[in-house]
Amino acid sequence: MTEWLAPAIPYLKAVHVMMLAFWCAGLFAIPLLLSRHGSVVGQEDYTRIRRLTHYGYIYVTTPFAVLAIASGTVLMFARDVFELWLFAKFLFVAALVVFHVWVGYTIVTVAETPGTHHSVDPRRPQIILMVTIIAILFFVLAKPDLGAIPIPDWLKNPRDIQLPFDVPRR
């Protein structure tokens, strides 16, 4: 562990958990808002919901996603945690990022196809999101021993070969 960063570890964890909670809350809320696009009464309601989903994604959910990933990365290097369960968790974090991108794609699709958009049923995305979040929580809280999973030796050991570009020396 980086000794000078040790006193900040609890604060980094708190920031990471808060940013992750806000990110996931946004990912739960936006598909629900997208499902409301088809049931609006008039243009004014549609414009209000459209702006809410757009601004919620751009100015709330995405910054929290960036801060959650950045704080988690700093936390991982500060604590020197490089275990197999962490890399399994990264697979589900990647799924969360893919879900985030899908939500953004859906918002853009709604904006570019006026009058032809069919509302998204929010149940399926909510279930996918819930399973992904539960898997992340499982790996973080249980920290299962995944040593029985066969991993090739080339992934476990450094290869001691030169990178294809020059690395600056300090």
N, C-alpha and C. Protein backbone atom coordinates (compact mmCIF):
# COMPACT_ATOMS: atom_id res chain seq x y z
N MET A 1 0.85 -1.17 0.00
CA MET A 1 0.00 0.00 0.00
C MET A 1 0.90 1.24 0.00
N THR A 2 0.47 2.25 -0.67
CA THR A 2 1.18 3.52 -0.66
C THR A 2 0.97 4.17 0.70
N GLU A 3 2.06 4.33 1.43
CA GLU A 3 1.96 4.77 2.83
C GLU A 3 1.39 6.17 2.98
N TRP A 4 1.74 7.08 2.12
CA TRP A 4 1.25 8.45 2.26
C TRP A 4 -0.24 8.56 1.97
N LEU A 5 -0.78 7.55 1.27
CA LEU A 5 -2.19 7.56 0.92
C LEU A 5 -3.05 6.78 1.92
N ALA A 6 -2.41 6.09 2.85
CA ALA A 6 -3.13 5.23 3.80
C ALA A 6 -4.20 5.97 4.61
N PRO A 7 -3.95 7.19 5.10
CA PRO A 7 -5.02 7.87 5.86
C PRO A 7 -6.24 8.23 5.01
N ALA A 8 -6.06 8.30 3.71
CA ALA A 8 -7.17 8.70 2.84
C ALA A 8 -8.02 7.53 2.37
N ILE A 9 -7.63 6.30 2.68
CA ILE A 9 -8.34 5.11 2.20
C ILE A 9 -9.81 5.12 2.60
N PRO A 10 -10.16 5.38 3.86
CA PRO A 10 -11.60 5.39 4.21
C PRO A 10 -12.39 6.45 3.43
N TYR A 11 -11.77 7.59 3.18
CA TYR A 11 -12.45 8.64 2.42
C TYR A 11 -12.60 8.24 0.95
N LEU A 12 -11.59 7.60 0.41
CA LEU A 12 -11.68 7.10 -0.96
C LEU A 12 -12.80 6.07 -1.10
N LYS A 13 -12.88 5.18 -0.11
CA LYS A 13 -13.95 4.18 -0.13
C LYS A 13 -15.32 4.85 -0.07
N ALA A 14 -15.45 5.84 0.81
CA ALA A 14 -16.74 6.54 0.94
C ALA A 14 -17.10 7.24 -0.36
N VAL A 15 -16.13 7.91 -0.97
CA VAL A 15 -16.40 8.59 -2.24
C VAL A 15 -16.79 7.57 -3.30
N HIS A 16 -16.07 6.45 -3.36
CA HIS A 16 -16.35 5.42 -4.36
C HIS A 16 -17.76 4.85 -4.19
N VAL A 17 -18.14 4.55 -2.97
CA VAL A 17 -19.47 3.98 -2.71
C VAL A 17 -20.56 5.00 -3.04
N MET A 18 -20.35 6.26 -2.66
CA MET A 18 -21.35 7.28 -2.96
C MET A 18 -21.51 7.50 -4.47
N MET A 19 -20.40 7.59 -5.17
CA MET A 19 -20.47 7.81 -6.61
C MET A 19 -21.12 6.61 -7.31
N LEU A 20 -20.80 5.42 -6.84
CA LEU A 20 -21.41 4.21 -7.41
C LEU A 20 -22.90 4.18 -7.14
N ALA A 21 -23.31 4.59 -5.94
CA ALA A 21 -24.74 4.61 -5.61
C ALA A 21 -25.50 5.60 -6.48
N PHE A 22 -24.92 6.78 -6.68
CA PHE A 22 -25.58 7.79 -7.53
C PHE A 22 -25.60 7.34 -8.99
N TRP A 23 -24.52 6.72 -9.45
CA TRP A 23 -24.46 6.22 -10.82
C TRP A 23 -25.55 5.18 -11.06
N CYS A 24 -25.64 4.21 -10.14
CA CYS A 24 -26.64 3.15 -10.29
C CYS A 24 -28.06 3.70 -10.16
N ALA A 25 -28.25 4.68 -9.28
CA ALA A 25 -29.57 5.29 -9.16
C ALA A 25 -29.98 5.96 -10.46
N GLY A 26 -29.03 6.63 -11.10
CA GLY A 26 -29.32 7.24 -12.40
C GLY A 26 -29.64 6.20 -13.46
N LEU A 27 -28.91 5.08 -13.41
CA LEU A 27 -29.17 4.02 -14.39
C LEU A 27 -30.52 3.34 -14.15
N PHE A 28 -31.01 3.36 -12.93
CA PHE A 28 -32.35 2.86 -12.66
C PHE A 28 -33.41 3.87 -13.11
N ALA A 29 -33.14 5.15 -12.90
CA ALA A 29 -34.15 6.18 -13.15
C ALA A 29 -34.34 6.48 -14.63
N ILE A 30 -33.28 6.51 -15.39
CA ILE A 30 -33.40 6.94 -16.79
C ILE A 30 -34.25 5.99 -17.63
N PRO A 31 -34.12 4.66 -17.53
CA PRO A 31 -35.05 3.81 -18.30
C PRO A 31 -36.51 4.02 -17.90
N LEU A 32 -36.75 4.34 -16.62
CA LEU A 32 -38.12 4.64 -16.21
C LEU A 32 -38.61 5.92 -16.87
N LEU A 33 -37.74 6.92 -16.96
CA LEU A 33 -38.11 8.16 -17.66
C LEU A 33 -38.30 7.91 -19.15
N LEU A 34 -37.47 7.06 -19.73
CA LEU A 34 -37.62 6.75 -21.16
C LEU A 34 -38.94 6.05 -21.44
N SER A 35 -39.42 5.28 -20.48
CA SER A 35 -40.71 4.60 -20.69
C SER A 35 -41.87 5.59 -20.67
N ARG A 36 -41.65 6.78 -20.12
CA ARG A 36 -42.70 7.80 -20.07
C ARG A 36 -42.81 8.59 -21.37
N HIS A 37 -41.86 8.44 -22.28
CA HIS A 37 -41.87 9.22 -23.52
C HIS A 37 -43.11 8.95 -24.37
N GLY A 38 -43.58 7.73 -24.37
CA GLY A 38 -44.70 7.39 -25.23
C GLY A 38 -46.05 7.80 -24.66
N SER A 39 -46.14 8.05 -23.36
CA SER A 39 -47.44 8.33 -22.75
C SER A 39 -47.64 9.81 -22.45
N VAL A 40 -46.86 10.69 -23.07
CA VAL A 40 -47.02 12.10 -22.80
C VAL A 40 -48.27 12.63 -23.48
N VAL A 41 -48.84 13.68 -22.87
CA VAL A 41 -50.08 14.24 -23.37
C VAL A 41 -49.84 15.19 -24.53
N GLY A 42 -48.85 16.03 -24.42
CA GLY A 42 -48.61 17.02 -25.47
C GLY A 42 -47.14 17.28 -25.66
N GLN A 43 -46.85 18.22 -26.54
CA GLN A 43 -45.47 18.55 -26.87
C GLN A 43 -44.72 19.10 -25.66
N GLU A 44 -45.41 19.86 -24.83
CA GLU A 44 -44.77 20.44 -23.65
C GLU A 44 -44.30 19.36 -22.68
N ASP A 45 -45.16 18.36 -22.43
CA ASP A 45 -44.77 17.25 -21.57
C ASP A 45 -43.61 16.46 -22.17
N TYR A 46 -43.69 16.21 -23.48
CA TYR A 46 -42.63 15.46 -24.16
C TYR A 46 -41.30 16.20 -24.03
N THR A 47 -41.33 17.52 -24.24
CA THR A 47 -40.11 18.32 -24.15
C THR A 47 -39.53 18.28 -22.74
N ARG A 48 -40.38 18.36 -21.74
CA ARG A 48 -39.92 18.32 -20.35
C ARG A 48 -39.27 16.98 -20.02
N ILE A 49 -39.92 15.88 -20.39
CA ILE A 49 -39.35 14.56 -20.11
C ILE A 49 -38.08 14.32 -20.93
N ARG A 50 -38.09 14.79 -22.16
CA ARG A 50 -36.92 14.64 -23.02
C ARG A 50 -35.71 15.37 -22.44
N ARG A 51 -35.92 16.61 -21.98
CA ARG A 51 -34.83 17.36 -21.37
C ARG A 51 -34.36 16.72 -20.07
N LEU A 52 -35.29 16.22 -19.29
CA LEU A 52 -34.94 15.58 -18.03
C LEU A 52 -34.06 14.35 -18.27
N THR A 53 -34.42 13.53 -19.23
CA THR A 53 -33.60 12.35 -19.51
C THR A 53 -32.24 12.75 -20.06
N HIS A 54 -32.23 13.71 -20.96
CA HIS A 54 -30.97 14.14 -21.57
C HIS A 54 -30.03 14.75 -20.53
N TYR A 55 -30.52 15.73 -19.78
CA TYR A 55 -29.68 16.39 -18.79
C TYR A 55 -29.32 15.45 -17.63
N GLY A 56 -30.24 14.58 -17.27
CA GLY A 56 -29.93 13.61 -16.22
C GLY A 56 -28.81 12.67 -16.62
N TYR A 57 -28.79 12.29 -17.89
CA TYR A 57 -27.74 11.40 -18.38
C TYR A 57 -26.41 12.14 -18.51
N ILE A 58 -26.45 13.31 -19.13
CA ILE A 58 -25.21 14.05 -19.43
C ILE A 58 -24.59 14.68 -18.18
N TYR A 59 -25.41 15.32 -17.36
CA TYR A 59 -24.87 16.13 -16.26
C TYR A 59 -24.93 15.47 -14.89
N VAL A 60 -25.61 14.34 -14.77
CA VAL A 60 -25.69 13.68 -13.47
C VAL A 60 -25.10 12.27 -13.54
N THR A 61 -25.71 11.41 -14.34
CA THR A 61 -25.32 10.01 -14.34
C THR A 61 -23.90 9.80 -14.88
N THR A 62 -23.55 10.43 -15.98
CA THR A 62 -22.22 10.22 -16.56
C THR A 62 -21.10 10.75 -15.67
N PRO A 63 -21.19 11.95 -15.09
CA PRO A 63 -20.12 12.37 -14.18
C PRO A 63 -19.97 11.45 -12.97
N PHE A 64 -21.09 10.96 -12.44
CA PHE A 64 -20.99 10.02 -11.32
C PHE A 64 -20.33 8.72 -11.76
N ALA A 65 -20.59 8.28 -12.99
CA ALA A 65 -19.94 7.07 -13.50
C ALA A 65 -18.44 7.26 -13.61
N VAL A 66 -18.04 8.40 -14.15
CA VAL A 66 -16.60 8.68 -14.29
C VAL A 66 -15.94 8.75 -12.92
N LEU A 67 -16.57 9.43 -11.97
CA LEU A 67 -16.00 9.55 -10.62
C LEU A 67 -15.98 8.21 -9.90
N ALA A 68 -16.99 7.37 -10.11
CA ALA A 68 -17.00 6.04 -9.48
C ALA A 68 -15.85 5.18 -10.01
N ILE A 69 -15.66 5.20 -11.32
CA ILE A 69 -14.58 4.40 -11.90
C ILE A 69 -13.22 4.95 -11.51
N ALA A 70 -13.07 6.27 -11.53
CA ALA A 70 -11.78 6.87 -11.17
C ALA A 70 -11.45 6.61 -9.70
N SER A 71 -12.41 6.79 -8.81
CA SER A 71 -12.13 6.56 -7.39
C SER A 71 -11.87 5.09 -7.12
N GLY A 72 -12.56 4.20 -7.83
CA GLY A 72 -12.29 2.77 -7.67
C GLY A 72 -10.91 2.39 -8.17
N THR A 73 -10.47 3.02 -9.24
CA THR A 73 -9.13 2.75 -9.76
C THR A 73 -8.06 3.23 -8.79
N VAL A 74 -8.23 4.44 -8.26
CA VAL A 74 -7.28 4.95 -7.26
C VAL A 74 -7.27 4.05 -6.03
N LEU A 75 -8.44 3.63 -5.62
CA LEU A 75 -8.55 2.76 -4.44
C LEU A 75 -7.86 1.42 -4.68
N MET A 76 -8.00 0.87 -5.87
CA MET A 76 -7.37 -0.41 -6.18
C MET A 76 -5.85 -0.30 -6.10
N PHE A 77 -5.28 0.78 -6.66
CA PHE A 77 -3.83 0.94 -6.61
C PHE A 77 -3.35 1.35 -5.23
N ALA A 78 -4.15 2.10 -4.50
CA ALA A 78 -3.75 2.52 -3.15
C ALA A 78 -3.71 1.34 -2.20
N ARG A 79 -4.61 0.40 -2.38
CA ARG A 79 -4.65 -0.77 -1.50
C ARG A 79 -3.86 -1.96 -2.02
N ASP A 80 -3.33 -1.84 -3.24
CA ASP A 80 -2.58 -2.94 -3.88
C ASP A 80 -3.42 -4.21 -3.94
N VAL A 81 -4.65 -4.07 -4.37
CA VAL A 81 -5.54 -5.23 -4.49
C VAL A 81 -5.53 -5.67 -5.95
N PHE A 82 -4.92 -6.80 -6.19
CA PHE A 82 -4.88 -7.37 -7.54
C PHE A 82 -5.20 -8.86 -7.42
N GLU A 83 -6.41 -9.14 -7.00
CA GLU A 83 -6.86 -10.51 -6.80
C GLU A 83 -7.77 -10.92 -7.96
N LEU A 84 -7.98 -12.20 -8.10
CA LEU A 84 -8.80 -12.71 -9.19
C LEU A 84 -10.27 -12.28 -9.04
N TRP A 85 -10.78 -12.20 -7.80
CA TRP A 85 -12.16 -11.76 -7.61
C TRP A 85 -12.35 -10.33 -8.10
N LEU A 86 -11.31 -9.50 -7.99
CA LEU A 86 -11.41 -8.12 -8.45
C LEU A 86 -11.56 -8.06 -9.96
N PHE A 87 -10.84 -8.92 -10.66
CA PHE A 87 -10.94 -8.93 -12.11
C PHE A 87 -12.28 -9.51 -12.58
N ALA A 88 -12.83 -10.43 -11.79
CA ALA A 88 -14.18 -10.92 -12.09
C ALA A 88 -15.19 -9.80 -11.88
N LYS A 89 -14.97 -8.99 -10.84
CA LYS A 89 -15.84 -7.83 -10.61
C LYS A 89 -15.75 -6.85 -11.77
N PHE A 90 -14.55 -6.69 -12.32
CA PHE A 90 -14.36 -5.78 -13.45
C PHE A 90 -15.20 -6.19 -14.65
N LEU A 91 -15.42 -7.48 -14.82
CA LEU A 91 -16.29 -7.92 -15.92
C LEU A 91 -17.70 -7.37 -15.76
N PHE A 92 -18.19 -7.36 -14.54
CA PHE A 92 -19.53 -6.85 -14.30
C PHE A 92 -19.57 -5.32 -14.29
N VAL A 93 -18.47 -4.69 -13.90
CA VAL A 93 -18.38 -3.23 -14.03
C VAL A 93 -18.40 -2.86 -15.52
N ALA A 94 -17.72 -3.66 -16.33
CA ALA A 94 -17.77 -3.43 -17.78
C ALA A 94 -19.20 -3.59 -18.30
N ALA A 95 -19.93 -4.55 -17.76
CA ALA A 95 -21.34 -4.71 -18.15
C ALA A 95 -22.15 -3.48 -17.73
N LEU A 96 -21.83 -2.91 -16.58
CA LEU A 96 -22.49 -1.68 -16.14
C LEU A 96 -22.17 -0.53 -17.10
N VAL A 97 -20.95 -0.46 -17.57
CA VAL A 97 -20.57 0.57 -18.53
C VAL A 97 -21.32 0.36 -19.85
N VAL A 98 -21.43 -0.89 -20.29
CA VAL A 98 -22.17 -1.18 -21.52
C VAL A 98 -23.64 -0.78 -21.35
N PHE A 99 -24.21 -1.05 -20.19
CA PHE A 99 -25.58 -0.64 -19.92
C PHE A 99 -25.70 0.88 -19.97
N HIS A 100 -24.72 1.57 -19.41
CA HIS A 100 -24.69 3.03 -19.43
C HIS A 100 -24.67 3.55 -20.88
N VAL A 101 -23.86 2.93 -21.70
CA VAL A 101 -23.78 3.33 -23.11
C VAL A 101 -25.09 3.04 -23.83
N TRP A 102 -25.73 1.90 -23.52
CA TRP A 102 -27.02 1.58 -24.13
C TRP A 102 -28.07 2.64 -23.77
N VAL A 103 -28.07 3.08 -22.52
CA VAL A 103 -29.01 4.12 -22.11
C VAL A 103 -28.77 5.39 -22.91
N GLY A 104 -27.51 5.78 -23.07
CA GLY A 104 -27.20 6.96 -23.87
C GLY A 104 -27.62 6.80 -25.32
N TYR A 105 -27.40 5.61 -25.87
CA TYR A 105 -27.81 5.33 -27.25
C TYR A 105 -29.34 5.44 -27.38
N THR A 106 -30.05 4.94 -26.41
CA THR A 106 -31.51 5.01 -26.44
C THR A 106 -31.99 6.45 -26.35
N ILE A 107 -31.34 7.26 -25.54
CA ILE A 107 -31.71 8.68 -25.44
C ILE A 107 -31.50 9.38 -26.78
N VAL A 108 -30.38 9.10 -27.44
CA VAL A 108 -30.11 9.71 -28.74
C VAL A 108 -31.11 9.22 -29.78
N THR A 109 -31.45 7.95 -29.75
CA THR A 109 -32.42 7.40 -30.69
C THR A 109 -33.78 8.07 -30.52
N VAL A 110 -34.18 8.28 -29.28
CA VAL A 110 -35.45 8.95 -29.01
C VAL A 110 -35.43 10.37 -29.57
N ALA A 111 -34.30 11.05 -29.42
CA ALA A 111 -34.20 12.44 -29.88
C ALA A 111 -34.20 12.54 -31.40
N GLU A 112 -33.64 11.55 -32.07
CA GLU A 112 -33.50 11.64 -33.52
C GLU A 112 -34.65 11.04 -34.30
N THR A 113 -35.57 10.37 -33.65
CA THR A 113 -36.71 9.78 -34.35
C THR A 113 -38.00 10.30 -33.75
N PRO A 114 -38.36 11.54 -34.04
CA PRO A 114 -39.58 12.09 -33.46
C PRO A 114 -40.83 11.41 -34.03
N GLY A 115 -41.73 11.08 -33.15
CA GLY A 115 -43.01 10.51 -33.56
C GLY A 115 -42.98 9.03 -33.87
N THR A 116 -41.82 8.42 -33.97
CA THR A 116 -41.76 7.00 -34.31
C THR A 116 -41.20 6.16 -33.17
N HIS A 117 -40.96 6.76 -32.04
CA HIS A 117 -40.36 6.04 -30.91
C HIS A 117 -41.41 5.24 -30.16
N HIS A 118 -41.08 4.00 -29.88
CA HIS A 118 -41.93 3.17 -29.04
C HIS A 118 -41.28 3.10 -27.67
N SER A 119 -42.05 3.29 -26.64
CA SER A 119 -41.51 3.33 -25.29
C SER A 119 -40.85 2.01 -24.92
N VAL A 120 -39.77 2.14 -24.18
CA VAL A 120 -39.04 0.98 -23.70
C VAL A 120 -39.75 0.43 -22.48
N ASP A 121 -39.94 -0.89 -22.45
CA ASP A 121 -40.48 -1.51 -21.25
C ASP A 121 -39.37 -1.52 -20.20
N PRO A 122 -39.53 -0.82 -19.09
CA PRO A 122 -38.42 -0.67 -18.16
C PRO A 122 -38.09 -1.91 -17.33
N ARG A 123 -38.95 -2.91 -17.36
CA ARG A 123 -38.70 -4.08 -16.51
C ARG A 123 -37.46 -4.86 -16.91
N ARG A 124 -37.27 -5.10 -18.19
CA ARG A 124 -36.12 -5.89 -18.65
C ARG A 124 -34.79 -5.18 -18.34
N PRO A 125 -34.64 -3.88 -18.67
CA PRO A 125 -33.39 -3.22 -18.29
C PRO A 125 -33.18 -3.17 -16.77
N GLN A 126 -34.26 -3.02 -16.01
CA GLN A 126 -34.11 -2.98 -14.55
C GLN A 126 -33.61 -4.32 -14.01
N ILE A 127 -34.11 -5.41 -14.57
CA ILE A 127 -33.66 -6.74 -14.13
C ILE A 127 -32.20 -6.96 -14.49
N ILE A 128 -31.82 -6.59 -15.70
CA ILE A 128 -30.42 -6.73 -16.11
C ILE A 128 -29.51 -5.91 -15.21
N LEU A 129 -29.93 -4.69 -14.93
CA LEU A 129 -29.15 -3.82 -14.06
C LEU A 129 -29.05 -4.38 -12.65
N MET A 130 -30.16 -4.90 -12.14
CA MET A 130 -30.17 -5.46 -10.78
C MET A 130 -29.23 -6.67 -10.68
N VAL A 131 -29.27 -7.56 -11.67
CA VAL A 131 -28.39 -8.73 -11.66
C VAL A 131 -26.92 -8.30 -11.70
N THR A 132 -26.62 -7.30 -12.52
CA THR A 132 -25.24 -6.82 -12.62
C THR A 132 -24.77 -6.22 -11.30
N ILE A 133 -25.60 -5.42 -10.67
CA ILE A 133 -25.22 -4.80 -9.40
C ILE A 133 -25.08 -5.84 -8.30
N ILE A 134 -25.96 -6.82 -8.27
CA ILE A 134 -25.85 -7.88 -7.26
C ILE A 134 -24.57 -8.69 -7.47
N ALA A 135 -24.19 -8.94 -8.72
CA ALA A 135 -22.94 -9.66 -8.99
C ALA A 135 -21.74 -8.85 -8.52
N ILE A 136 -21.75 -7.54 -8.76
CA ILE A 136 -20.66 -6.69 -8.29
C ILE A 136 -20.58 -6.73 -6.77
N LEU A 137 -21.71 -6.59 -6.11
CA LEU A 137 -21.73 -6.64 -4.65
C LEU A 137 -21.27 -8.00 -4.13
N PHE A 138 -21.63 -9.07 -4.81
CA PHE A 138 -21.18 -10.39 -4.40
C PHE A 138 -19.66 -10.48 -4.42
N PHE A 139 -19.05 -10.06 -5.51
CA PHE A 139 -17.60 -10.17 -5.62
C PHE A 139 -16.89 -9.25 -4.64
N VAL A 140 -17.44 -8.07 -4.38
CA VAL A 140 -16.80 -7.15 -3.45
C VAL A 140 -16.93 -7.61 -2.01
N LEU A 141 -18.12 -8.06 -1.64
CA LEU A 141 -18.36 -8.42 -0.25
C LEU A 141 -17.89 -9.82 0.11
N ALA A 142 -18.07 -10.78 -0.79
CA ALA A 142 -17.69 -12.16 -0.49
C ALA A 142 -16.22 -12.43 -0.77
N LYS A 143 -15.65 -11.72 -1.73
CA LYS A 143 -14.27 -11.93 -2.15
C LYS A 143 -13.98 -13.43 -2.30
N PRO A 144 -14.72 -14.11 -3.18
CA PRO A 144 -14.57 -15.56 -3.29
C PRO A 144 -13.19 -15.95 -3.81
N ASP A 145 -12.75 -17.11 -3.36
CA ASP A 145 -11.47 -17.65 -3.83
C ASP A 145 -11.72 -18.30 -5.19
N LEU A 146 -11.21 -17.69 -6.22
CA LEU A 146 -11.41 -18.19 -7.57
C LEU A 146 -10.17 -18.91 -8.08
N GLY A 147 -9.36 -19.42 -7.14
CA GLY A 147 -8.12 -20.10 -7.51
C GLY A 147 -8.34 -21.38 -8.29
N ALA A 148 -9.53 -21.96 -8.20
CA ALA A 148 -9.79 -23.22 -8.91
C ALA A 148 -10.03 -22.99 -10.40
N ILE A 149 -10.24 -21.73 -10.79
CA ILE A 149 -10.45 -21.43 -12.20
C ILE A 149 -9.11 -21.49 -12.91
N PRO A 150 -9.00 -22.31 -13.94
CA PRO A 150 -7.70 -22.42 -14.62
C PRO A 150 -7.39 -21.15 -15.42
N ILE A 151 -6.22 -20.61 -15.14
CA ILE A 151 -5.76 -19.41 -15.84
C ILE A 151 -4.43 -19.73 -16.49
N PRO A 152 -4.26 -19.37 -17.75
CA PRO A 152 -2.98 -19.65 -18.41
C PRO A 152 -1.81 -18.97 -17.71
N ASP A 153 -0.65 -19.60 -17.75
CA ASP A 153 0.53 -19.05 -17.10
C ASP A 153 0.93 -17.69 -17.66
N TRP A 154 0.69 -17.47 -18.94
CA TRP A 154 1.09 -16.19 -19.53
C TRP A 154 0.30 -15.03 -18.98
N LEU A 155 -0.85 -15.31 -18.34
CA LEU A 155 -1.60 -14.25 -17.68
C LEU A 155 -1.13 -14.01 -16.25
N LYS A 156 -0.48 -15.00 -15.67
CA LYS A 156 -0.05 -14.89 -14.28
C LYS A 156 1.34 -14.27 -14.12
N ASN A 157 2.20 -14.48 -15.09
CA ASN A 157 3.59 -14.07 -14.94
C ASN A 157 3.98 -13.03 -15.98
N PRO A 158 4.86 -12.09 -15.58
CA PRO A 158 5.35 -11.14 -16.58
C PRO A 158 6.22 -11.84 -17.60
N ARG A 159 6.24 -11.30 -18.79
CA ARG A 159 6.96 -11.96 -19.88
C ARG A 159 8.38 -11.44 -20.05
N ASP A 160 8.73 -10.35 -19.39
CA ASP A 160 10.06 -9.77 -19.48
C ASP A 160 10.48 -9.48 -20.91
N ILE A 161 9.58 -8.86 -21.67
CA ILE A 161 9.93 -8.45 -23.03
C ILE A 161 9.75 -6.94 -23.14
N GLN A 162 10.44 -6.36 -24.10
CA GLN A 162 10.39 -4.92 -24.31
C GLN A 162 9.06 -4.53 -24.96
N LEU A 163 8.50 -3.41 -24.52
CA LEU A 163 7.30 -2.88 -25.14
C LEU A 163 7.64 -2.38 -26.54
N PRO A 164 6.67 -2.32 -27.44
CA PRO A 164 6.97 -1.89 -28.81
C PRO A 164 7.23 -0.38 -28.94
N PHE A 165 7.32 0.32 -27.83
CA PHE A 165 7.61 1.76 -27.84
C PHE A 165 8.51 2.07 -26.65
N ASP A 166 9.17 3.21 -26.70
CA ASP A 166 10.06 3.60 -25.62
C ASP A 166 9.26 4.07 -24.42
N VAL A 167 9.70 3.60 -23.26
CA VAL A 167 9.07 4.01 -22.00
C VAL A 167 10.00 5.03 -21.35
N PRO A 168 9.48 6.21 -21.03
CA PRO A 168 10.36 7.22 -20.41
C PRO A 168 10.84 6.76 -19.03
N ARG A 169 12.06 7.04 -18.75
CA ARG A 169 12.66 6.71 -17.45
C ARG A 169 12.54 7.92 -16.53
N ARG A 170 12.49 7.66 -15.24
CA ARG A 170 12.42 8.77 -14.28
C ARG A 170 13.79 9.22 -13.91
